[in-house]
Structures are given as C-alpha cells and as structure tokens.
N, C-alpha and C. Protein backbone atom coordinates (compact mmCIF):
# COMPACT_ATOMS: atom_id res chain seq x y z
N UNK A 1 29.23 -14.86 38.51
CA UNK A 1 30.38 -15.30 37.74
C UNK A 1 30.78 -16.70 38.19
N UNK A 2 30.06 -17.63 37.73
CA UNK A 2 30.27 -19.02 38.10
C UNK A 2 31.68 -19.48 37.75
N UNK A 3 32.35 -20.06 38.73
CA UNK A 3 33.67 -20.62 38.50
C UNK A 3 34.80 -19.61 38.51
N UNK A 4 34.49 -18.35 38.69
CA UNK A 4 35.52 -17.32 38.76
C UNK A 4 35.57 -16.76 40.18
N UNK A 5 36.74 -16.31 40.61
CA UNK A 5 36.86 -15.77 41.97
C UNK A 5 35.99 -14.53 42.17
N UNK A 6 35.45 -14.38 43.36
CA UNK A 6 34.69 -13.18 43.71
C UNK A 6 35.61 -12.03 44.10
N UNK A 7 36.78 -12.37 44.62
CA UNK A 7 37.74 -11.36 45.02
C UNK A 7 38.30 -10.68 43.77
N UNK A 8 38.21 -9.35 43.66
CA UNK A 8 38.65 -8.67 42.45
C UNK A 8 40.12 -8.88 42.10
N UNK A 9 40.98 -8.96 43.10
CA UNK A 9 42.41 -9.15 42.83
C UNK A 9 42.66 -10.54 42.25
N UNK A 10 42.00 -11.53 42.81
CA UNK A 10 42.14 -12.90 42.28
C UNK A 10 41.53 -12.98 40.88
N UNK A 11 40.39 -12.31 40.68
CA UNK A 11 39.75 -12.28 39.37
C UNK A 11 40.68 -11.65 38.34
N UNK A 12 41.33 -10.58 38.71
CA UNK A 12 42.29 -9.91 37.82
C UNK A 12 43.37 -10.89 37.37
N UNK A 13 43.91 -11.63 38.29
CA UNK A 13 44.95 -12.60 37.97
C UNK A 13 44.45 -13.67 37.01
N UNK A 14 43.29 -14.22 37.30
CA UNK A 14 42.72 -15.28 36.46
C UNK A 14 42.43 -14.76 35.05
N UNK A 15 41.80 -13.59 34.97
CA UNK A 15 41.41 -13.05 33.66
C UNK A 15 42.65 -12.67 32.85
N UNK A 16 43.58 -11.93 33.43
CA UNK A 16 44.76 -11.52 32.67
C UNK A 16 45.61 -12.71 32.23
N UNK A 17 45.69 -13.73 33.07
CA UNK A 17 46.43 -14.93 32.67
C UNK A 17 45.76 -15.61 31.50
N UNK A 18 44.44 -15.73 31.55
CA UNK A 18 43.70 -16.36 30.45
C UNK A 18 43.82 -15.53 29.17
N UNK A 19 43.75 -14.21 29.30
CA UNK A 19 43.88 -13.36 28.12
C UNK A 19 45.27 -13.49 27.51
N UNK A 20 46.27 -13.60 28.34
CA UNK A 20 47.65 -13.75 27.85
C UNK A 20 47.88 -15.11 27.21
N UNK A 21 47.36 -16.16 27.84
CA UNK A 21 47.71 -17.51 27.43
C UNK A 21 46.77 -18.15 26.41
N UNK A 22 45.48 -17.84 26.48
CA UNK A 22 44.56 -18.64 25.67
C UNK A 22 43.47 -17.89 24.93
N UNK A 23 43.31 -16.60 25.15
CA UNK A 23 42.21 -15.88 24.51
C UNK A 23 42.72 -14.65 23.77
N UNK A 24 42.17 -14.42 22.60
CA UNK A 24 42.59 -13.28 21.79
C UNK A 24 41.99 -11.97 22.28
N UNK A 25 40.89 -12.05 23.00
CA UNK A 25 40.26 -10.82 23.51
C UNK A 25 39.30 -11.15 24.65
N UNK A 26 38.81 -10.11 25.30
CA UNK A 26 37.91 -10.27 26.44
C UNK A 26 36.59 -10.91 26.02
N UNK A 27 36.10 -10.57 24.84
CA UNK A 27 34.85 -11.17 24.36
C UNK A 27 34.97 -12.68 24.26
N UNK A 28 36.09 -13.16 23.73
CA UNK A 28 36.32 -14.60 23.62
C UNK A 28 36.39 -15.27 24.98
N UNK A 29 37.05 -14.62 25.92
CA UNK A 29 37.12 -15.15 27.28
C UNK A 29 35.72 -15.28 27.87
N UNK A 30 34.92 -14.24 27.70
CA UNK A 30 33.56 -14.24 28.26
C UNK A 30 32.68 -15.31 27.62
N UNK A 31 32.81 -15.49 26.33
CA UNK A 31 32.04 -16.54 25.65
C UNK A 31 32.44 -17.92 26.17
N UNK A 32 33.73 -18.15 26.28
CA UNK A 32 34.23 -19.45 26.75
C UNK A 32 33.79 -19.73 28.18
N UNK A 33 33.85 -18.73 29.04
CA UNK A 33 33.50 -18.90 30.45
C UNK A 33 32.03 -18.67 30.74
N UNK A 34 31.27 -18.27 29.72
CA UNK A 34 29.84 -18.00 29.86
C UNK A 34 29.56 -16.98 30.97
N UNK A 35 30.26 -15.85 30.89
CA UNK A 35 30.07 -14.76 31.84
C UNK A 35 29.79 -13.47 31.08
N UNK A 36 29.16 -12.54 31.75
CA UNK A 36 28.87 -11.23 31.16
C UNK A 36 30.12 -10.35 31.22
N UNK A 37 30.47 -9.81 30.09
CA UNK A 37 31.63 -8.92 29.99
C UNK A 37 31.51 -7.75 30.96
N UNK A 38 30.32 -7.16 31.03
CA UNK A 38 30.11 -6.00 31.91
C UNK A 38 30.33 -6.34 33.38
N UNK A 39 30.04 -7.58 33.75
CA UNK A 39 30.25 -8.02 35.13
C UNK A 39 31.73 -7.99 35.49
N UNK A 40 32.55 -8.52 34.59
CA UNK A 40 33.99 -8.55 34.82
C UNK A 40 34.54 -7.13 34.84
N UNK A 41 34.15 -6.33 33.86
CA UNK A 41 34.62 -4.95 33.79
C UNK A 41 34.24 -4.18 35.05
N UNK A 42 33.01 -4.33 35.52
CA UNK A 42 32.55 -3.64 36.73
C UNK A 42 33.33 -4.08 37.96
N UNK A 43 33.52 -5.38 38.09
CA UNK A 43 34.22 -5.91 39.27
C UNK A 43 35.67 -5.41 39.31
N UNK A 44 36.34 -5.40 38.16
CA UNK A 44 37.74 -4.98 38.14
C UNK A 44 37.88 -3.46 38.21
N UNK A 45 36.84 -2.75 37.86
CA UNK A 45 36.86 -1.29 38.00
C UNK A 45 36.89 -0.90 39.48
N UNK A 46 36.37 -1.77 40.36
CA UNK A 46 36.37 -1.47 41.80
C UNK A 46 37.79 -1.40 42.35
N UNK A 47 38.75 -2.00 41.65
CA UNK A 47 40.15 -1.91 42.07
C UNK A 47 40.96 -1.10 41.05
N UNK A 48 40.24 -0.25 40.32
CA UNK A 48 40.85 0.71 39.39
C UNK A 48 41.58 0.07 38.21
N UNK A 49 41.06 -1.03 37.71
CA UNK A 49 41.61 -1.66 36.51
C UNK A 49 40.59 -1.55 35.39
N UNK A 50 41.10 -1.23 34.20
CA UNK A 50 40.25 -1.15 33.01
C UNK A 50 40.87 -1.99 31.91
N UNK A 51 40.01 -2.51 31.05
CA UNK A 51 40.47 -3.35 29.95
C UNK A 51 41.10 -2.49 28.86
N UNK A 52 42.32 -2.85 28.46
CA UNK A 52 43.01 -2.19 27.36
C UNK A 52 42.98 -3.12 26.16
N UNK A 53 42.24 -2.73 25.14
CA UNK A 53 42.05 -3.58 23.96
C UNK A 53 43.38 -3.84 23.26
N UNK A 54 44.21 -2.81 23.12
CA UNK A 54 45.48 -2.96 22.41
C UNK A 54 46.43 -3.93 23.12
N UNK A 55 46.44 -3.89 24.43
CA UNK A 55 47.31 -4.78 25.20
C UNK A 55 46.65 -6.12 25.52
N UNK A 56 45.33 -6.17 25.33
CA UNK A 56 44.53 -7.35 25.67
C UNK A 56 44.73 -7.78 27.12
N UNK A 57 44.62 -6.80 28.00
CA UNK A 57 44.69 -7.10 29.43
C UNK A 57 44.12 -5.94 30.22
N UNK A 58 43.85 -6.21 31.48
CA UNK A 58 43.39 -5.16 32.38
C UNK A 58 44.61 -4.48 32.97
N UNK A 59 44.60 -3.16 32.91
CA UNK A 59 45.74 -2.38 33.42
C UNK A 59 45.24 -1.28 34.34
C-alpha cells in the first residue's frame, strides 16, 4: 500500500477521513490511491473494522 500507513489504526484514520471528505465510496478511494481494495479491507479487519457501504466508512 504505497503512500498509506502500515499501522492499521493510522490507516483507518486516513481512509475514513478520505471517504468522508473526498470520495463517494471505497472503490473510488482505491482507484485514486492505486491500491487493492482487499488489502485495505484485510488490514482493517485485523483491528475489527469492516466497511459499511451505507455509511461509507469503516466501523
């Protein structure tokens, strides 16, 4: 995940902030950042966070 934090808690902050401020969904974030969606989902699952499509954030 080039340019994104390796620490899951920091990654959570970066991703949720981007989803709130500049991206309509996780797919758009991943396209913009050129990262695999499954990579982000897997990393955040290690701290018990899952993507909620309706809220457009990890909860």
